[in-house]
Amino acid sequence: MQSLALGPFALSIDRLLILLAIAVALFAGWISSRRDGRNPEAALITIVLIGILGARLGFVLRYHEDYLADPLQIIDIRDGGFWWVSGLACGLTVALTYLWRQPDIRRSLGIALATGTLVWGSIALPLAQLQNSTRGLPEMTLMTAAGEAVNLRDYAGQPIVLNVWASWCPPCVREMPVLEEAQHRYPGVQFLFANLGEDPATVEAFLSQLDVDLQHVLLDQHNQLGQHYGSRGLPTTLFIDADGQLKDTHLGELSVASLKGRLGSILPGQLPQ
């Protein structure tokens, strides 16, 4: 499963696990501070916020040329542009500072951090192993806008970016120019655009009105992709390597920089970092 629907909202599983780990850490810190010491809640929140900020800044610095072309994208974190290395480094630095300078929360903060990490690891790692065993490109037939049947396995043999979208989805519309340009920028990658549940006339009229030229537009009338990959939200972009294995997913709008960052999972060593 890649994402979970919560009413009209969808949340990726990796972010949901992080939120769960934070909640458990806050609870563990509160419980452990009841007998002696001070509640480490403020310290935990600070560590998380500094970690998030560090992850964002690290990602922006790695892809600064793409962000300089559109500086407002720097503060638009909806593109999912975070670098876990810089985030972890910043979070650990702040955590160690608290542990060193504030002995009265050292025990409770240590317990909270250890508990949150344990909860995250005990769920995330087995889930990743389970997903790795069911991530192959499926034997699935979709239709083109012209009414031709296409099997997804026919695209195996080269890296694939599979974007699932709909005309009524605002983030899908906003990211389309980015994906249209990427088709030409990365000729070694096969870009596929699977429309969810709309008829050919609606899809063609929408693309014509938007004035985008998308190659390989497919129709997923019955949400077969969502059922196979466990995706519950739009837009969802799947990054599949040349062997047909799903390497990364992104729920939500992509920017030029975040797309480039995700492409690194299927084009290792071929993109500037």
C-alpha atoms as a PDB file:
ATOM      1  CA  MET A   1       0.000   0.000   0.000  1.00  0.00           C
ATOM      2  CA  GLN A   2       1.366   3.394  -1.031  1.00  0.00           C
ATOM      3  CA  SER A   3      -1.253   5.758   0.397  1.00  0.00           C
ATOM      4  CA  LEU A   4      -4.308   5.825   2.628  1.00  0.00           C
ATOM      5  CA  ALA A   5      -7.544   7.738   2.007  1.00  0.00           C
ATOM      6  CA  LEU A   6      -8.890   9.726   4.949  1.00  0.00           C
ATOM      7  CA  GLY A   7     -12.229  11.031   3.700  1.00  0.00           C
ATOM      8  CA  PRO A   8     -11.481  13.507   0.894  1.00  0.00           C
ATOM      9  CA  PHE A   9      -7.786  13.531   1.790  1.00  0.00           C
ATOM     10  CA  ALA A  10      -5.020  11.066   1.024  1.00  0.00           C
ATOM     11  CA  LEU A  11      -1.781  10.551   2.921  1.00  0.00           C
ATOM     12  CA  SER A  12       1.226   8.559   1.803  1.00  0.00           C
ATOM     13  CA  ILE A  13       2.121   5.619   4.043  1.00  0.00           C
ATOM     14  CA  ASP A  14       5.665   6.863   4.711  1.00  0.00           C
ATOM     15  CA  ARG A  15       4.375  10.207   6.018  1.00  0.00           C
ATOM     16  CA  LEU A  16       1.676   8.471   8.035  1.00  0.00           C
ATOM     17  CA  LEU A  17       4.318   6.309   9.720  1.00  0.00           C
ATOM     18  CA  ILE A  18       6.373   9.392  10.577  1.00  0.00           C
ATOM     19  CA  LEU A  19       3.324  11.054  12.150  1.00  0.00           C
ATOM     20  CA  LEU A  20       2.608   7.870  14.104  1.00  0.00           C
ATOM     21  CA  ALA A  21       6.206   7.702  15.354  1.00  0.00           C
ATOM     22  CA  ILE A  22       6.057  11.351  16.460  1.00  0.00           C
ATOM     23  CA  ALA A  23       2.771  10.777  18.314  1.00  0.00           C
ATOM     24  CA  VAL A  24       4.163   7.707  20.087  1.00  0.00           C
ATOM     25  CA  ALA A  25       7.355   9.583  20.986  1.00  0.00           C
ATOM     26  CA  LEU A  26       5.331  12.436  22.508  1.00  0.00           C
ATOM     27  CA  PHE A  27       3.265   9.967  24.520  1.00  0.00           C
ATOM     28  CA  ALA A  28       6.322   8.048  25.690  1.00  0.00           C
ATOM     29  CA  GLY A  29       8.021  11.284  26.725  1.00  0.00           C
ATOM     30  CA  TRP A  30       4.996  12.358  28.728  1.00  0.00           C
ATOM     31  CA  ILE A  31       4.670   8.986  30.485  1.00  0.00           C
ATOM     32  CA  SER A  32       8.368   8.782  31.340  1.00  0.00           C
ATOM     33  CA  SER A  33       8.392  12.330  32.742  1.00  0.00           C
ATOM     34  CA  ARG A  34       5.523  11.784  35.170  1.00  0.00           C
ATOM     35  CA  ARG A  35       7.684  10.138  37.819  1.00  0.00           C
ATOM     36  CA  ASP A  36      10.724  12.379  37.562  1.00  0.00           C
ATOM     37  CA  GLY A  37      11.997  15.015  35.230  1.00  0.00           C
ATOM     38  CA  ARG A  38      10.258  17.412  32.850  1.00  0.00           C
ATOM     39  CA  ASN A  39       7.981  16.715  29.901  1.00  0.00           C
ATOM     40  CA  PRO A  40      10.205  16.783  26.772  1.00  0.00           C
ATOM     41  CA  GLU A  41       7.302  17.768  24.498  1.00  0.00           C
ATOM     42  CA  ALA A  42       8.736  21.187  23.551  1.00  0.00           C
ATOM     43  CA  ALA A  43      12.136  19.662  22.837  1.00  0.00           C
ATOM     44  CA  LEU A  44      10.637  16.897  20.694  1.00  0.00           C
ATOM     45  CA  ILE A  45       8.593  19.357  18.642  1.00  0.00           C
ATOM     46  CA  THR A  46      11.668  21.535  18.147  1.00  0.00           C
ATOM     47  CA  ILE A  47      13.729  18.539  17.023  1.00  0.00           C
ATOM     48  CA  VAL A  48      11.052  17.530  14.495  1.00  0.00           C
ATOM     49  CA  LEU A  49      10.639  21.052  13.128  1.00  0.00           C
ATOM     50  CA  ILE A  50      14.381  21.638  12.782  1.00  0.00           C
ATOM     51  CA  GLY A  51      14.717  18.225  11.133  1.00  0.00           C
ATOM     52  CA  ILE A  52      11.987  19.065   8.600  1.00  0.00           C
ATOM     53  CA  LEU A  53      13.514  22.475   7.906  1.00  0.00           C
ATOM     54  CA  GLY A  54      16.950  20.928   7.486  1.00  0.00           C
ATOM     55  CA  ALA A  55      15.590  18.293   5.108  1.00  0.00           C
ATOM     56  CA  ARG A  56      13.921  20.968   3.006  1.00  0.00           C
ATOM     57  CA  LEU A  57      16.943  23.267   2.911  1.00  0.00           C
ATOM     58  CA  GLY A  58      19.217  20.367   2.047  1.00  0.00           C
ATOM     59  CA  PHE A  59      17.000  19.386  -0.865  1.00  0.00           C
ATOM     60  CA  VAL A  60      16.757  22.976  -2.121  1.00  0.00           C
ATOM     61  CA  LEU A  61      20.537  23.324  -2.029  1.00  0.00           C
ATOM     62  CA  ARG A  62      21.004  20.077  -3.961  1.00  0.00           C
ATOM     63  CA  TYR A  63      18.652  21.270  -6.706  1.00  0.00           C
ATOM     64  CA  HIS A  64      19.197  25.003  -6.331  1.00  0.00           C
ATOM     65  CA  GLU A  65      19.339  25.663 -10.065  1.00  0.00           C
ATOM     66  CA  ASP A  66      15.797  24.339 -10.535  1.00  0.00           C
ATOM     67  CA  TYR A  67      14.468  26.331  -7.599  1.00  0.00           C
ATOM     68  CA  LEU A  68      16.179  29.556  -8.677  1.00  0.00           C
ATOM     69  CA  ALA A  69      14.168  29.408 -11.893  1.00  0.00           C
ATOM     70  CA  ASP A  70      11.014  29.661  -9.731  1.00  0.00           C
ATOM     71  CA  PRO A  71      11.960  30.841  -6.194  1.00  0.00           C
ATOM     72  CA  LEU A  72       8.412  30.574  -4.858  1.00  0.00           C
ATOM     73  CA  GLN A  73       8.714  26.804  -5.225  1.00  0.00           C
ATOM     74  CA  ILE A  74      11.177  26.846  -2.332  1.00  0.00           C
ATOM     75  CA  ILE A  75       8.400  27.393   0.201  1.00  0.00           C
ATOM     76  CA  ASP A  76       5.912  25.111  -1.555  1.00  0.00           C
ATOM     77  CA  ILE A  77       6.611  21.893   0.334  1.00  0.00           C
ATOM     78  CA  ARG A  78       3.735  20.126  -1.414  1.00  0.00           C
ATOM     79  CA  ASP A  79       6.255  18.919  -3.992  1.00  0.00           C
ATOM     80  CA  GLY A  80       7.723  16.585  -1.366  1.00  0.00           C
ATOM     81  CA  GLY A  81      11.269  17.881  -1.815  1.00  0.00           C
ATOM     82  CA  PHE A  82      13.085  16.746   1.332  1.00  0.00           C
ATOM     83  CA  TRP A  83      16.563  15.217   1.739  1.00  0.00           C
ATOM     84  CA  TRP A  84      16.579  12.773   4.633  1.00  0.00           C
ATOM     85  CA  VAL A  85      20.375  13.046   5.120  1.00  0.00           C
ATOM     86  CA  SER A  86      20.356  16.765   5.967  1.00  0.00           C
ATOM     87  CA  GLY A  87      17.121  16.372   7.940  1.00  0.00           C
ATOM     88  CA  LEU A  88      18.552  13.567  10.058  1.00  0.00           C
ATOM     89  CA  ALA A  89      21.789  15.483  10.629  1.00  0.00           C
ATOM     90  CA  CYS A  90      19.923  18.602  11.794  1.00  0.00           C
ATOM     91  CA  GLY A  91      17.537  16.637  13.991  1.00  0.00           C
ATOM     92  CA  LEU A  92      20.340  14.673  15.648  1.00  0.00           C
ATOM     93  CA  THR A  93      22.346  17.841  16.279  1.00  0.00           C
ATOM     94  CA  VAL A  94      19.426  19.479  18.067  1.00  0.00           C
ATOM     95  CA  ALA A  95      18.630  16.285  19.997  1.00  0.00           C
ATOM     96  CA  LEU A  96      22.213  15.904  21.223  1.00  0.00           C
ATOM     97  CA  THR A  97      22.254  19.558  22.237  1.00  0.00           C
ATOM     98  CA  TYR A  98      19.149  19.063  24.378  1.00  0.00           C
ATOM     99  CA  LEU A  99      20.529  15.869  25.910  1.00  0.00           C
ATOM    100  CA  TRP A 100      23.794  17.603  26.804  1.00  0.00           C
ATOM    101  CA  ARG A 101      22.473  20.942  28.068  1.00  0.00           C
ATOM    102  CA  GLN A 102      19.250  19.914  29.815  1.00  0.00           C
ATOM    103  CA  PRO A 103      19.872  17.009  32.202  1.00  0.00           C
ATOM    104  CA  ASP A 104      16.340  17.250  33.639  1.00  0.00           C
ATOM    105  CA  ILE A 105      14.824  15.974  30.380  1.00  0.00           C
ATOM    106  CA  ARG A 106      17.693  13.682  29.389  1.00  0.00           C
ATOM    107  CA  ARG A 107      15.992  10.477  30.518  1.00  0.00           C
ATOM    108  CA  SER A 108      12.497  11.233  29.240  1.00  0.00           C
ATOM    109  CA  LEU A 109      13.750  12.674  25.947  1.00  0.00           C
ATOM    110  CA  GLY A 110      16.006   9.676  25.373  1.00  0.00           C
ATOM    111  CA  ILE A 111      13.111   7.288  26.010  1.00  0.00           C
ATOM    112  CA  ALA A 112      10.853   9.285  23.689  1.00  0.00           C
ATOM    113  CA  LEU A 113      13.380   9.333  20.851  1.00  0.00           C
ATOM    114  CA  ALA A 114      14.175   5.647  21.232  1.00  0.00           C
ATOM    115  CA  THR A 115      10.499   4.661  21.350  1.00  0.00           C
ATOM    116  CA  GLY A 116       9.553   6.726  18.310  1.00  0.00           C
ATOM    117  CA  THR A 117      12.473   5.317  16.319  1.00  0.00           C
ATOM    118  CA  LEU A 118      11.611   1.755  17.368  1.00  0.00           C
ATOM    119  CA  VAL A 119       7.955   2.147  16.363  1.00  0.00           C
ATOM    120  CA  TRP A 120       8.880   3.626  12.988  1.00  0.00           C
ATOM    121  CA  GLY A 121      11.497   0.967  12.249  1.00  0.00           C
ATOM    122  CA  SER A 122       9.369  -1.982  13.376  1.00  0.00           C
ATOM    123  CA  ILE A 123       6.641  -1.014  10.887  1.00  0.00           C
ATOM    124  CA  ALA A 124       8.474   0.705   8.034  1.00  0.00           C
ATOM    125  CA  LEU A 125      11.166  -1.918   7.433  1.00  0.00           C
ATOM    126  CA  PRO A 126       8.860  -4.999   7.275  1.00  0.00           C
ATOM    127  CA  LEU A 127       6.399  -3.014   5.153  1.00  0.00           C
ATOM    128  CA  ALA A 128       9.179  -2.099   2.719  1.00  0.00           C
ATOM    129  CA  GLN A 129      10.204  -5.760   2.428  1.00  0.00           C
ATOM    130  CA  LEU A 130       6.594  -6.795   1.820  1.00  0.00           C
ATOM    131  CA  GLN A 131       6.128  -4.158  -0.866  1.00  0.00           C
ATOM    132  CA  ASN A 132       9.366  -5.140  -2.575  1.00  0.00           C
ATOM    133  CA  SER A 133       7.947  -8.611  -3.143  1.00  0.00           C
ATOM    134  CA  THR A 134       4.794  -7.308  -4.879  1.00  0.00           C
ATOM    135  CA  ARG A 135       6.079  -4.347  -6.884  1.00  0.00           C
ATOM    136  CA  GLY A 136       6.546  -5.895 -10.308  1.00  0.00           C
ATOM    137  CA  LEU A 137       5.033  -4.278 -13.382  1.00  0.00           C
ATOM    138  CA  PRO A 138       1.645  -6.005 -13.650  1.00  0.00           C
ATOM    139  CA  GLU A 139       0.178  -7.939 -16.563  1.00  0.00           C
ATOM    140  CA  MET A 140      -2.465  -5.250 -17.028  1.00  0.00           C
ATOM    141  CA  THR A 141      -4.313  -4.070 -20.125  1.00  0.00           C
ATOM    142  CA  LEU A 142      -5.324  -0.424 -20.444  1.00  0.00           C
ATOM    143  CA  MET A 143      -6.808   1.478 -23.370  1.00  0.00           C
ATOM    144  CA  THR A 144      -5.354   4.399 -25.271  1.00  0.00           C
ATOM    145  CA  ALA A 145      -7.480   7.440 -26.098  1.00  0.00           C
ATOM    146  CA  ALA A 146      -7.750   6.040 -29.631  1.00  0.00           C
ATOM    147  CA  GLY A 147      -9.320   2.840 -28.293  1.00  0.00           C
ATOM    148  CA  GLU A 148      -6.298   0.546 -28.675  1.00  0.00           C
ATOM    149  CA  ALA A 149      -5.495  -2.032 -25.996  1.00  0.00           C
ATOM    150  CA  VAL A 150      -2.042  -1.726 -24.425  1.00  0.00           C
ATOM    151  CA  ASN A 151      -0.388  -4.095 -21.963  1.00  0.00           C
ATOM    152  CA  LEU A 152       1.834  -2.398 -19.391  1.00  0.00           C
ATOM    153  CA  ARG A 153       4.385  -5.177 -19.758  1.00  0.00           C
ATOM    154  CA  ASP A 154       4.995  -3.913 -23.300  1.00  0.00           C
ATOM    155  CA  TYR A 155       6.800  -0.924 -21.801  1.00  0.00           C
ATOM    156  CA  ALA A 156       9.247  -3.027 -19.776  1.00  0.00           C
ATOM    157  CA  GLY A 157      12.918  -2.786 -20.627  1.00  0.00           C
ATOM    158  CA  GLN A 158      13.460   0.872 -19.836  1.00  0.00           C
ATOM    159  CA  PRO A 159      12.775   3.119 -16.834  1.00  0.00           C
ATOM    160  CA  ILE A 160       9.136   4.232 -16.534  1.00  0.00           C
ATOM    161  CA  VAL A 161       7.453   7.200 -14.901  1.00  0.00           C
ATOM    162  CA  LEU A 162       3.776   6.319 -14.563  1.00  0.00           C
ATOM    163  CA  ASN A 163       1.577   9.272 -13.653  1.00  0.00           C
ATOM    164  CA  VAL A 164      -2.017   8.609 -12.526  1.00  0.00           C
ATOM    165  CA  TRP A 165      -4.213  11.689 -12.960  1.00  0.00           C
ATOM    166  CA  ALA A 166      -7.687  13.076 -13.651  1.00  0.00           C
ATOM    167  CA  SER A 167      -8.933  16.308 -15.222  1.00  0.00           C
ATOM    168  CA  TRP A 168     -10.864  17.266 -12.052  1.00  0.00           C
ATOM    169  CA  CYS A 169      -7.702  17.105  -9.902  1.00  0.00           C
ATOM    170  CA  PRO A 170      -6.064  20.588  -9.551  1.00  0.00           C
ATOM    171  CA  PRO A 171      -2.590  19.301  -8.525  1.00  0.00           C
ATOM    172  CA  CYS A 172      -2.660  16.953 -11.547  1.00  0.00           C
ATOM    173  CA  VAL A 173      -3.270  19.917 -13.833  1.00  0.00           C
ATOM    174  CA  ARG A 174      -0.575  22.071 -12.220  1.00  0.00           C
ATOM    175  CA  GLU A 175       2.141  19.437 -12.607  1.00  0.00           C
ATOM    176  CA  MET A 176       1.369  18.539 -16.228  1.00  0.00           C
ATOM    177  CA  PRO A 177       3.669  21.176 -17.786  1.00  0.00           C
ATOM    178  CA  VAL A 178       6.508  19.817 -15.632  1.00  0.00           C
ATOM    179  CA  LEU A 179       5.875  16.269 -16.863  1.00  0.00           C
ATOM    180  CA  GLU A 180       5.407  17.413 -20.456  1.00  0.00           C
ATOM    181  CA  GLU A 181       8.819  19.075 -20.413  1.00  0.00           C
ATOM    182  CA  ALA A 182      10.382  16.058 -18.706  1.00  0.00           C
ATOM    183  CA  GLN A 183       9.376  13.839 -21.638  1.00  0.00           C
ATOM    184  CA  HIS A 184      11.853  15.756 -23.778  1.00  0.00           C
ATOM    185  CA  ARG A 185      14.497  16.333 -21.116  1.00  0.00           C
ATOM    186  CA  TYR A 186      14.823  12.623 -20.256  1.00  0.00           C
ATOM    187  CA  PRO A 187      14.521  10.665 -23.535  1.00  0.00           C
ATOM    188  CA  GLY A 188      15.756   7.485 -21.843  1.00  0.00           C
ATOM    189  CA  VAL A 189      12.663   7.363 -19.625  1.00  0.00           C
ATOM    190  CA  GLN A 190       9.228   6.228 -20.758  1.00  0.00           C
ATOM    191  CA  PHE A 191       6.553   8.602 -19.442  1.00  0.00           C
ATOM    192  CA  LEU A 192       3.059   7.120 -19.209  1.00  0.00           C
ATOM    193  CA  PHE A 193      -0.054   9.081 -18.245  1.00  0.00           C
ATOM    194  CA  ALA A 194      -2.921   6.976 -16.914  1.00  0.00           C
ATOM    195  CA  ASN A 195      -6.186   8.861 -16.631  1.00  0.00           C
ATOM    196  CA  LEU A 196      -8.458   7.599 -13.876  1.00  0.00           C
ATOM    197  CA  GLY A 197     -12.060   6.826 -14.810  1.00  0.00           C
ATOM    198  CA  GLU A 198     -12.767   9.350 -17.568  1.00  0.00           C
ATOM    199  CA  ASP A 199     -13.896   8.666 -21.127  1.00  0.00           C
ATOM    200  CA  PRO A 200     -11.688   9.286 -24.202  1.00  0.00           C
ATOM    201  CA  ALA A 201     -13.642  12.354 -25.380  1.00  0.00           C
ATOM    202  CA  THR A 202     -13.301  14.064 -22.004  1.00  0.00           C
ATOM    203  CA  VAL A 203      -9.571  13.314 -21.830  1.00  0.00           C
ATOM    204  CA  GLU A 204      -8.825  14.549 -25.354  1.00  0.00           C
ATOM    205  CA  ALA A 205     -10.909  17.716 -24.910  1.00  0.00           C
ATOM    206  CA  PHE A 206      -9.193  18.480 -21.599  1.00  0.00           C
ATOM    207  CA  LEU A 207      -5.656  18.016 -22.942  1.00  0.00           C
ATOM    208  CA  SER A 208      -6.495  20.128 -25.985  1.00  0.00           C
ATOM    209  CA  GLN A 209      -7.868  22.913 -23.806  1.00  0.00           C
ATOM    210  CA  LEU A 210      -4.841  22.771 -21.504  1.00  0.00           C
ATOM    211  CA  ASP A 211      -2.580  22.796 -24.592  1.00  0.00           C
ATOM    212  CA  VAL A 212      -0.201  20.084 -23.418  1.00  0.00           C
ATOM    213  CA  ASP A 213       1.241  17.361 -25.606  1.00  0.00           C
ATOM    214  CA  LEU A 214       1.465  14.225 -23.495  1.00  0.00           C
ATOM    215  CA  GLN A 215       2.801  11.042 -25.036  1.00  0.00           C
ATOM    216  CA  HIS A 216       1.366   7.643 -24.124  1.00  0.00           C
ATOM    217  CA  VAL A 217      -1.939   8.698 -22.571  1.00  0.00           C
ATOM    218  CA  LEU A 218      -3.754   5.642 -21.210  1.00  0.00           C
ATOM    219  CA  LEU A 219      -7.211   5.154 -19.721  1.00  0.00           C
ATOM    220  CA  ASP A 220      -7.599   3.346 -16.402  1.00  0.00           C
ATOM    221  CA  GLN A 221     -11.380   3.091 -16.286  1.00  0.00           C
ATOM    222  CA  HIS A 222     -11.586   0.782 -13.270  1.00  0.00           C
ATOM    223  CA  ASN A 223      -8.658   1.989 -11.118  1.00  0.00           C
ATOM    224  CA  GLN A 224      -6.616  -1.125 -11.820  1.00  0.00           C
ATOM    225  CA  LEU A 225      -3.362   0.693 -11.070  1.00  0.00           C
ATOM    226  CA  GLY A 226      -4.629   1.964  -7.735  1.00  0.00           C
ATOM    227  CA  GLN A 227      -5.697  -1.521  -6.712  1.00  0.00           C
ATOM    228  CA  HIS A 228      -2.422  -3.123  -7.780  1.00  0.00           C
ATOM    229  CA  TYR A 229      -0.103  -0.568  -6.192  1.00  0.00           C
ATOM    230  CA  GLY A 230      -2.314   0.360  -3.241  1.00  0.00           C
ATOM    231  CA  SER A 231      -2.618   4.023  -4.176  1.00  0.00           C
ATOM    232  CA  ARG A 232      -5.638   5.948  -2.878  1.00  0.00           C
ATOM    233  CA  GLY A 233      -4.939   9.536  -3.958  1.00  0.00           C
ATOM    234  CA  LEU A 234      -4.267  11.768  -6.958  1.00  0.00           C
ATOM    235  CA  PRO A 235      -1.962  12.614  -8.467  1.00  0.00           C
ATOM    236  CA  THR A 236       0.185   9.551  -7.872  1.00  0.00           C
ATOM    237  CA  THR A 237       3.447   9.103  -9.756  1.00  0.00           C
ATOM    238  CA  LEU A 238       5.198   5.724  -9.837  1.00  0.00           C
ATOM    239  CA  PHE A 239       8.893   5.370 -10.643  1.00  0.00           C
ATOM    240  CA  ILE A 240       9.627   1.947 -12.141  1.00  0.00           C
ATOM    241  CA  ASP A 241      13.080   0.731 -13.162  1.00  0.00           C
ATOM    242  CA  ALA A 242      14.039  -1.054 -16.360  1.00  0.00           C
ATOM    243  CA  ASP A 243      13.375  -4.427 -14.714  1.00  0.00           C
ATOM    244  CA  GLY A 244       9.773  -3.450 -13.992  1.00  0.00           C
ATOM    245  CA  GLN A 245      10.291  -2.986 -10.243  1.00  0.00           C
ATOM    246  CA  LEU A 246       8.664  -0.081  -8.426  1.00  0.00           C
ATOM    247  CA  LYS A 247      11.459   1.947  -6.824  1.00  0.00           C
ATOM    248  CA  ASP A 248       9.705   5.067  -5.607  1.00  0.00           C
ATOM    249  CA  THR A 249       6.305   6.756  -5.438  1.00  0.00           C
ATOM    250  CA  HIS A 250       5.104  10.300  -5.014  1.00  0.00           C
ATOM    251  CA  LEU A 251       1.661  11.354  -3.848  1.00  0.00           C
ATOM    252  CA  GLY A 252       0.851  14.939  -4.797  1.00  0.00           C
ATOM    253  CA  GLU A 253       2.154  17.607  -7.125  1.00  0.00           C
ATOM    254  CA  LEU A 254       5.661  17.354  -8.559  1.00  0.00           C
ATOM    255  CA  SER A 255       8.009  20.270  -9.191  1.00  0.00           C
ATOM    256  CA  VAL A 256      10.966  20.201 -11.587  1.00  0.00           C
ATOM    257  CA  ALA A 257      13.326  19.603  -8.653  1.00  0.00           C
ATOM    258  CA  SER A 258      11.274  16.932  -6.880  1.00  0.00           C
ATOM    259  CA  LEU A 259      10.779  15.067 -10.155  1.00  0.00           C
ATOM    260  CA  LYS A 260      14.521  15.108 -10.754  1.00  0.00           C
ATOM    261  CA  GLY A 261      15.115  13.858  -7.223  1.00  0.00           C
ATOM    262  CA  ARG A 262      12.707  10.944  -7.674  1.00  0.00           C
ATOM    263  CA  LEU A 263      14.175  10.050 -11.056  1.00  0.00           C
ATOM    264  CA  GLY A 264      17.419   9.270  -9.258  1.00  0.00           C
ATOM    265  CA  SER A 265      15.803   6.062  -7.985  1.00  0.00           C
ATOM    266  CA  ILE A 266      15.469   4.661 -11.535  1.00  0.00           C
ATOM    267  CA  LEU A 267      18.421   6.462 -13.141  1.00  0.00           C
ATOM    268  CA  PRO A 268      21.158   5.950 -10.521  1.00  0.00           C
ATOM    269  CA  GLY A 269      24.273   7.986 -11.201  1.00  0.00           C
ATOM    270  CA  GLN A 270      22.819   9.591 -14.316  1.00  0.00           C
ATOM    271  CA  LEU A 271      21.382  12.786 -12.835  1.00  0.00           C
ATOM    272  CA  PRO A 272      23.163  15.766 -11.271  1.00  0.00           C
ATOM    273  CA  GLN A 273      22.854  15.749  -7.514  1.00  0.00           C
END
